[in-house]
Amino acid sequence: MAVLNVAPTRSNLIRIKKELQFAREGYEILDRKREVLTTELVRVAHEADVLQKEVWKIFETAYRALEKAQLTLGSDHVEWAALAANKTVDVHLKLRGIMGVAIPVIEARGEPEKMLYSLSGTNAALDEASAAFREVLIRTPQLSMLVTAVWRLAGELRKTQRRVNALQHIFIPAYEETVTFIISSLEEREREETFRLKWLKTRMANQQG
């Protein structure tokens, strides 16, 4: 690791020691942040994975039932029934902070009507498809919130990891080696000065004798 390009003086030694202490404190703070982000990311990612699998399973059920309804009722009849859907979920977005990361909090209000069309001229397959798509619509805001949180937490974790690595492997070692270099240089200078003073004292004593 390269030593910082500074003169080996006592003032620089004091300054570099302060910067080293600051770097160490920054590393501890960022390391704690990294741990919190990692824990939160694992938790949210698990929730998102579970919910996404549930939503995809419901989608599969919905499309199978929709295909069956189209075969038995005809596409025109199914499209007519779909036009009855005129109410959806009202979504409100807020933000909360986790270690400086803005995480979306979605509040979904209201639900689509359970029965969007008249029972006459429909069948069980269409009812199943309607119920499945309704469930997907209800769960989608929560899923989008979790997926967005995963991306934002992961992005912040990457940035935090880079800073931790830079402090741990570049800045702190450079400061430590610079402190060692300055101390060694000052001690060498003191030894040289002590030797010079002793030599002058001996020379003066010899001249007086």
C-alpha atoms as a PDB file:
ATOM      1  CA  MET A   1       0.000   0.000   0.000  1.00  0.00           C
ATOM      2  CA  ALA A   2       1.417   3.419  -1.000  1.00  0.00           C
ATOM      3  CA  VAL A   3       2.178   5.966   1.665  1.00  0.00           C
ATOM      4  CA  LEU A   4       0.379   9.303   1.308  1.00  0.00           C
ATOM      5  CA  ASN A   5       2.476  12.051  -0.209  1.00  0.00           C
ATOM      6  CA  VAL A   6       2.957  14.199   2.903  1.00  0.00           C
ATOM      7  CA  ALA A   7       5.971  15.621   4.644  1.00  0.00           C
ATOM      8  CA  PRO A   8       6.998  13.658   7.786  1.00  0.00           C
ATOM      9  CA  THR A   9       6.254  16.428  10.287  1.00  0.00           C
ATOM     10  CA  ARG A  10       4.550  16.384  13.682  1.00  0.00           C
ATOM     11  CA  SER A  11       1.693  18.556  12.428  1.00  0.00           C
ATOM     12  CA  ASN A  12       1.070  16.135   9.572  1.00  0.00           C
ATOM     13  CA  LEU A  13       1.265  13.222  12.011  1.00  0.00           C
ATOM     14  CA  ILE A  14      -1.468  14.775  14.144  1.00  0.00           C
ATOM     15  CA  ARG A  15      -3.602  15.478  11.060  1.00  0.00           C
ATOM     16  CA  ILE A  16      -3.187  12.006   9.561  1.00  0.00           C
ATOM     17  CA  LYS A  17      -3.991  10.361  12.911  1.00  0.00           C
ATOM     18  CA  LYS A  18      -7.240  12.351  13.069  1.00  0.00           C
ATOM     19  CA  GLU A  19      -8.109  11.379   9.503  1.00  0.00           C
ATOM     20  CA  LEU A  20      -7.317   7.748  10.299  1.00  0.00           C
ATOM     21  CA  GLN A  21      -9.635   7.853  13.304  1.00  0.00           C
ATOM     22  CA  PHE A  22     -12.337   9.458  11.162  1.00  0.00           C
ATOM     23  CA  ALA A  23     -11.897   6.759   8.502  1.00  0.00           C
ATOM     24  CA  ARG A  24     -12.171   4.016  11.117  1.00  0.00           C
ATOM     25  CA  GLU A  25     -15.345   5.538  12.552  1.00  0.00           C
ATOM     26  CA  GLY A  26     -16.770   5.884   9.037  1.00  0.00           C
ATOM     27  CA  TYR A  27     -15.966   2.243   8.369  1.00  0.00           C
ATOM     28  CA  GLU A  28     -17.795   1.142  11.533  1.00  0.00           C
ATOM     29  CA  ILE A  29     -20.863   3.202  10.609  1.00  0.00           C
ATOM     30  CA  LEU A  30     -20.920   1.917   7.042  1.00  0.00           C
ATOM     31  CA  ASP A  31     -20.348  -1.646   8.211  1.00  0.00           C
ATOM     32  CA  ARG A  32     -23.375  -1.398  10.517  1.00  0.00           C
ATOM     33  CA  LYS A  33     -25.368   0.115   7.645  1.00  0.00           C
ATOM     34  CA  ARG A  34     -24.307  -2.769   5.424  1.00  0.00           C
ATOM     35  CA  GLU A  35     -25.521  -5.287   8.003  1.00  0.00           C
ATOM     36  CA  VAL A  36     -28.898  -3.565   8.379  1.00  0.00           C
ATOM     37  CA  LEU A  37     -29.357  -3.292   4.611  1.00  0.00           C
ATOM     38  CA  THR A  38     -28.393  -6.937   4.122  1.00  0.00           C
ATOM     39  CA  THR A  39     -30.868  -8.110   6.763  1.00  0.00           C
ATOM     40  CA  GLU A  40     -33.669  -5.957   5.348  1.00  0.00           C
ATOM     41  CA  LEU A  41     -32.887  -6.990   1.777  1.00  0.00           C
ATOM     42  CA  VAL A  42     -33.008 -10.691   2.628  1.00  0.00           C
ATOM     43  CA  ARG A  43     -36.346 -10.230   4.410  1.00  0.00           C
ATOM     44  CA  VAL A  44     -37.978  -8.158   1.665  1.00  0.00           C
ATOM     45  CA  ALA A  45     -36.585 -10.344  -1.116  1.00  0.00           C
ATOM     46  CA  HIS A  46     -38.075 -13.421   0.555  1.00  0.00           C
ATOM     47  CA  GLU A  47     -41.468 -11.741   0.881  1.00  0.00           C
ATOM     48  CA  ALA A  48     -41.324 -10.609  -2.748  1.00  0.00           C
ATOM     49  CA  ASP A  49     -40.364 -14.081  -3.949  1.00  0.00           C
ATOM     50  CA  VAL A  50     -43.193 -15.756  -2.033  1.00  0.00           C
ATOM     51  CA  LEU A  51     -45.786 -13.220  -3.208  1.00  0.00           C
ATOM     52  CA  GLN A  52     -44.560 -13.298  -6.810  1.00  0.00           C
ATOM     53  CA  LYS A  53     -44.891 -17.083  -6.935  1.00  0.00           C
ATOM     54  CA  GLU A  54     -48.408 -16.791  -5.532  1.00  0.00           C
ATOM     55  CA  VAL A  55     -49.357 -14.149  -8.115  1.00  0.00           C
ATOM     56  CA  TRP A  56     -47.929 -16.199 -11.003  1.00  0.00           C
ATOM     57  CA  LYS A  57     -49.877 -19.231  -9.792  1.00  0.00           C
ATOM     58  CA  ILE A  58     -53.073 -17.190  -9.703  1.00  0.00           C
ATOM     59  CA  PHE A  59     -52.281 -15.862 -13.196  1.00  0.00           C
ATOM     60  CA  GLU A  60     -51.959 -19.427 -14.476  1.00  0.00           C
ATOM     61  CA  THR A  61     -55.319 -20.297 -12.962  1.00  0.00           C
ATOM     62  CA  ALA A  62     -56.882 -17.160 -14.430  1.00  0.00           C
ATOM     63  CA  TYR A  63     -55.609 -17.733 -17.970  1.00  0.00           C
ATOM     64  CA  ARG A  64     -56.574 -21.422 -17.962  1.00  0.00           C
ATOM     65  CA  ALA A  65     -60.092 -20.510 -16.854  1.00  0.00           C
ATOM     66  CA  LEU A  66     -60.231 -17.640 -19.355  1.00  0.00           C
ATOM     67  CA  GLU A  67     -59.197 -19.938 -22.188  1.00  0.00           C
ATOM     68  CA  LYS A  68     -61.863 -22.451 -21.157  1.00  0.00           C
ATOM     69  CA  ALA A  69     -64.492 -19.697 -20.982  1.00  0.00           C
ATOM     70  CA  GLN A  70     -63.588 -18.477 -24.472  1.00  0.00           C
ATOM     71  CA  LEU A  71     -63.925 -22.006 -25.828  1.00  0.00           C
ATOM     72  CA  THR A  72     -67.316 -22.577 -24.209  1.00  0.00           C
ATOM     73  CA  LEU A  73     -68.864 -19.088 -24.419  1.00  0.00           C
ATOM     74  CA  GLY A  74     -66.993 -17.526 -27.299  1.00  0.00           C
ATOM     75  CA  SER A  75     -64.554 -14.632 -27.342  1.00  0.00           C
ATOM     76  CA  ASP A  76     -67.237 -12.008 -27.966  1.00  0.00           C
ATOM     77  CA  HIS A  77     -69.204 -13.038 -24.898  1.00  0.00           C
ATOM     78  CA  VAL A  78     -66.080 -13.005 -22.729  1.00  0.00           C
ATOM     79  CA  GLU A  79     -65.111  -9.551 -23.999  1.00  0.00           C
ATOM     80  CA  TRP A  80     -68.624  -8.308 -23.259  1.00  0.00           C
ATOM     81  CA  ALA A  81     -68.325  -9.579 -19.695  1.00  0.00           C
ATOM     82  CA  ALA A  82     -64.901  -7.913 -19.340  1.00  0.00           C
ATOM     83  CA  LEU A  83     -66.402  -4.525 -20.262  1.00  0.00           C
ATOM     84  CA  ALA A  84     -68.403  -4.682 -17.051  1.00  0.00           C
ATOM     85  CA  ALA A  85     -65.186  -4.116 -15.060  1.00  0.00           C
ATOM     86  CA  ASN A  86     -65.328  -0.393 -14.265  1.00  0.00           C
ATOM     87  CA  LYS A  87     -63.897  -0.279 -10.759  1.00  0.00           C
ATOM     88  CA  THR A  88     -60.336  -0.875  -9.714  1.00  0.00           C
ATOM     89  CA  VAL A  89     -58.014  -0.458  -6.718  1.00  0.00           C
ATOM     90  CA  ASP A  90     -57.162   3.073  -5.569  1.00  0.00           C
ATOM     91  CA  VAL A  91     -53.423   3.198  -4.868  1.00  0.00           C
ATOM     92  CA  HIS A  92     -51.646   5.763  -2.679  1.00  0.00           C
ATOM     93  CA  LEU A  93     -47.854   5.943  -2.517  1.00  0.00           C
ATOM     94  CA  LYS A  94     -45.797   7.026   0.495  1.00  0.00           C
ATOM     95  CA  LEU A  95     -42.112   6.682   1.322  1.00  0.00           C
ATOM     96  CA  ARG A  96     -40.283   5.475   4.415  1.00  0.00           C
ATOM     97  CA  GLY A  97     -36.568   5.585   5.096  1.00  0.00           C
ATOM     98  CA  ILE A  98     -34.293   2.657   5.876  1.00  0.00           C
ATOM     99  CA  MET A  99     -30.690   3.743   6.455  1.00  0.00           C
ATOM    100  CA  GLY A 100     -31.158   6.617   4.031  1.00  0.00           C
ATOM    101  CA  VAL A 101     -32.970   4.543   1.388  1.00  0.00           C
ATOM    102  CA  ALA A 102     -36.423   5.726   0.316  1.00  0.00           C
ATOM    103  CA  ILE A 103     -38.650   2.647   0.349  1.00  0.00           C
ATOM    104  CA  PRO A 104     -42.150   2.884  -1.168  1.00  0.00           C
ATOM    105  CA  VAL A 105     -45.146   2.127   1.007  1.00  0.00           C
ATOM    106  CA  ILE A 106     -48.263   1.488  -1.040  1.00  0.00           C
ATOM    107  CA  GLU A 107     -51.719   1.757   0.439  1.00  0.00           C
ATOM    108  CA  ALA A 108     -54.354   0.078  -1.723  1.00  0.00           C
ATOM    109  CA  ARG A 109     -57.907   1.169  -0.993  1.00  0.00           C
ATOM    110  CA  GLY A 110     -61.029  -0.441  -2.312  1.00  0.00           C
ATOM    111  CA  GLU A 111     -61.437  -3.669  -4.251  1.00  0.00           C
ATOM    112  CA  PRO A 112     -62.921  -4.594  -7.604  1.00  0.00           C
ATOM    113  CA  GLU A 113     -66.460  -5.869  -7.417  1.00  0.00           C
ATOM    114  CA  LYS A 114     -66.694  -9.609  -6.902  1.00  0.00           C
ATOM    115  CA  MET A 115     -69.413  -9.994  -9.533  1.00  0.00           C
ATOM    116  CA  LEU A 116     -68.766  -7.743 -12.529  1.00  0.00           C
ATOM    117  CA  TYR A 117     -71.499  -9.058 -14.834  1.00  0.00           C
ATOM    118  CA  SER A 118     -74.876 -10.698 -14.874  1.00  0.00           C
ATOM    119  CA  LEU A 119     -74.993 -14.390 -14.113  1.00  0.00           C
ATOM    120  CA  SER A 120     -77.079 -15.057 -17.162  1.00  0.00           C
ATOM    121  CA  GLY A 121     -75.113 -16.339 -20.110  1.00  0.00           C
ATOM    122  CA  THR A 122     -71.938 -17.071 -18.121  1.00  0.00           C
ATOM    123  CA  ASN A 123     -70.402 -20.222 -16.710  1.00  0.00           C
ATOM    124  CA  ALA A 124     -68.134 -21.433 -13.922  1.00  0.00           C
ATOM    125  CA  ALA A 125     -64.960 -20.990 -16.011  1.00  0.00           C
ATOM    126  CA  LEU A 126     -65.658 -17.288 -16.526  1.00  0.00           C
ATOM    127  CA  ASP A 127     -66.449 -16.883 -12.846  1.00  0.00           C
ATOM    128  CA  GLU A 128     -63.152 -18.578 -11.942  1.00  0.00           C
ATOM    129  CA  ALA A 129     -61.190 -16.376 -14.323  1.00  0.00           C
ATOM    130  CA  SER A 130     -62.884 -13.242 -12.995  1.00  0.00           C
ATOM    131  CA  ALA A 131     -62.162 -14.183  -9.387  1.00  0.00           C
ATOM    132  CA  ALA A 132     -58.511 -15.003 -10.172  1.00  0.00           C
ATOM    133  CA  PHE A 133     -57.861 -11.745 -12.051  1.00  0.00           C
ATOM    134  CA  ARG A 134     -59.552  -9.863  -9.203  1.00  0.00           C
ATOM    135  CA  GLU A 135     -57.145 -11.502  -6.734  1.00  0.00           C
ATOM    136  CA  VAL A 136     -54.156 -10.587  -8.933  1.00  0.00           C
ATOM    137  CA  LEU A 137     -55.299  -6.973  -9.037  1.00  0.00           C
ATOM    138  CA  ILE A 138     -55.600  -6.867  -5.258  1.00  0.00           C
ATOM    139  CA  ARG A 139     -52.104  -8.315  -4.715  1.00  0.00           C
ATOM    140  CA  THR A 140     -50.277  -6.381  -7.437  1.00  0.00           C
ATOM    141  CA  PRO A 141     -49.705  -3.153  -5.421  1.00  0.00           C
ATOM    142  CA  GLN A 142     -48.043  -5.107  -2.597  1.00  0.00           C
ATOM    143  CA  LEU A 143     -45.893  -7.030  -5.072  1.00  0.00           C
ATOM    144  CA  SER A 144     -44.782  -3.872  -6.882  1.00  0.00           C
ATOM    145  CA  MET A 145     -43.905  -2.289  -3.534  1.00  0.00           C
ATOM    146  CA  LEU A 146     -41.756  -5.254  -2.510  1.00  0.00           C
ATOM    147  CA  VAL A 147     -39.992  -5.541  -5.871  1.00  0.00           C
ATOM    148  CA  THR A 148     -39.177  -1.815  -5.881  1.00  0.00           C
ATOM    149  CA  ALA A 149     -37.873  -2.078  -2.322  1.00  0.00           C
ATOM    150  CA  VAL A 150     -35.619  -4.987  -3.324  1.00  0.00           C
ATOM    151  CA  TRP A 151     -34.081  -3.022  -6.195  1.00  0.00           C
ATOM    152  CA  ARG A 152     -33.504   0.084  -4.088  1.00  0.00           C
ATOM    153  CA  LEU A 153     -32.048  -1.824  -1.144  1.00  0.00           C
ATOM    154  CA  ALA A 154     -29.802  -3.839  -3.443  1.00  0.00           C
ATOM    155  CA  GLY A 155     -28.552  -0.675  -5.148  1.00  0.00           C
ATOM    156  CA  GLU A 156     -27.775   1.029  -1.847  1.00  0.00           C
ATOM    157  CA  LEU A 157     -26.121  -2.125  -0.533  1.00  0.00           C
ATOM    158  CA  ARG A 158     -23.808  -2.223  -3.562  1.00  0.00           C
ATOM    159  CA  LYS A 159     -22.792   1.413  -3.018  1.00  0.00           C
ATOM    160  CA  THR A 160     -22.264   0.829   0.700  1.00  0.00           C
ATOM    161  CA  GLN A 161     -20.189  -2.292   0.013  1.00  0.00           C
ATOM    162  CA  ARG A 162     -17.945  -0.346  -2.378  1.00  0.00           C
ATOM    163  CA  ARG A 163     -17.375   2.348   0.262  1.00  0.00           C
ATOM    164  CA  VAL A 164     -16.664  -0.229   2.953  1.00  0.00           C
ATOM    165  CA  ASN A 165     -14.163  -1.976   0.692  1.00  0.00           C
ATOM    166  CA  ALA A 166     -12.473   1.310  -0.191  1.00  0.00           C
ATOM    167  CA  LEU A 167     -12.073   2.252   3.465  1.00  0.00           C
ATOM    168  CA  GLN A 168     -11.001  -1.222   4.540  1.00  0.00           C
ATOM    169  CA  HIS A 169      -8.547  -1.982   1.743  1.00  0.00           C
ATOM    170  CA  ILE A 170      -7.352   1.418   0.505  1.00  0.00           C
ATOM    171  CA  PHE A 171      -7.821   4.427   2.765  1.00  0.00           C
ATOM    172  CA  ILE A 172      -7.324   2.951   6.247  1.00  0.00           C
ATOM    173  CA  PRO A 173      -4.189   0.944   5.270  1.00  0.00           C
ATOM    174  CA  ALA A 174      -2.770   4.031   3.510  1.00  0.00           C
ATOM    175  CA  TYR A 175      -3.339   6.188   6.595  1.00  0.00           C
ATOM    176  CA  GLU A 176      -1.874   3.515   8.874  1.00  0.00           C
ATOM    177  CA  GLU A 177       1.259   3.153   6.764  1.00  0.00           C
ATOM    178  CA  THR A 178       1.600   6.921   6.528  1.00  0.00           C
ATOM    179  CA  VAL A 179       1.426   7.222  10.321  1.00  0.00           C
ATOM    180  CA  THR A 180       4.046   4.499  10.652  1.00  0.00           C
ATOM    181  CA  PHE A 181       6.241   6.227   8.046  1.00  0.00           C
ATOM    182  CA  ILE A 182       6.005   9.637   9.745  1.00  0.00           C
ATOM    183  CA  ILE A 183       6.724   8.184  13.196  1.00  0.00           C
ATOM    184  CA  SER A 184       9.699   6.262  11.826  1.00  0.00           C
ATOM    185  CA  SER A 185      10.990   9.381  10.049  1.00  0.00           C
ATOM    186  CA  LEU A 186      10.616  11.529  13.167  1.00  0.00           C
ATOM    187  CA  GLU A 187      12.373   8.929  15.331  1.00  0.00           C
ATOM    188  CA  GLU A 188      15.206   8.688  12.812  1.00  0.00           C
ATOM    189  CA  ARG A 189      15.478  12.455  12.793  1.00  0.00           C
ATOM    190  CA  GLU A 190      15.609  12.518  16.598  1.00  0.00           C
ATOM    191  CA  ARG A 191      18.353   9.874  16.623  1.00  0.00           C
ATOM    192  CA  GLU A 192      20.351  11.863  14.118  1.00  0.00           C
ATOM    193  CA  GLU A 193      19.881  15.027  16.163  1.00  0.00           C
ATOM    194  CA  THR A 194      20.876  13.225  19.358  1.00  0.00           C
ATOM    195  CA  PHE A 195      23.967  11.822  17.663  1.00  0.00           C
ATOM    196  CA  ARG A 196      24.837  15.250  16.282  1.00  0.00           C
ATOM    197  CA  LEU A 197      24.474  16.878  19.713  1.00  0.00           C
ATOM    198  CA  LYS A 198      26.628  14.207  21.340  1.00  0.00           C
ATOM    199  CA  TRP A 199      29.251  14.634  18.639  1.00  0.00           C
ATOM    200  CA  LEU A 200      29.278  18.413  19.137  1.00  0.00           C
ATOM    201  CA  LYS A 201      29.473  17.988  22.906  1.00  0.00           C
ATOM    202  CA  THR A 202      32.392  15.571  22.602  1.00  0.00           C
ATOM    203  CA  ARG A 203      34.185  17.859  20.148  1.00  0.00           C
ATOM    204  CA  MET A 204      33.740  20.872  22.400  1.00  0.00           C
ATOM    205  CA  ALA A 205      35.006  18.876  25.384  1.00  0.00           C
ATOM    206  CA  ASN A 206      38.086  17.797  23.453  1.00  0.00           C
ATOM    207  CA  GLN A 207      38.780  21.343  22.342  1.00  0.00           C
ATOM    208  CA  GLN A 208      38.523  22.632  25.925  1.00  0.00           C
ATOM    209  CA  GLY A 209      40.813  19.858  27.164  1.00  0.00           C
END
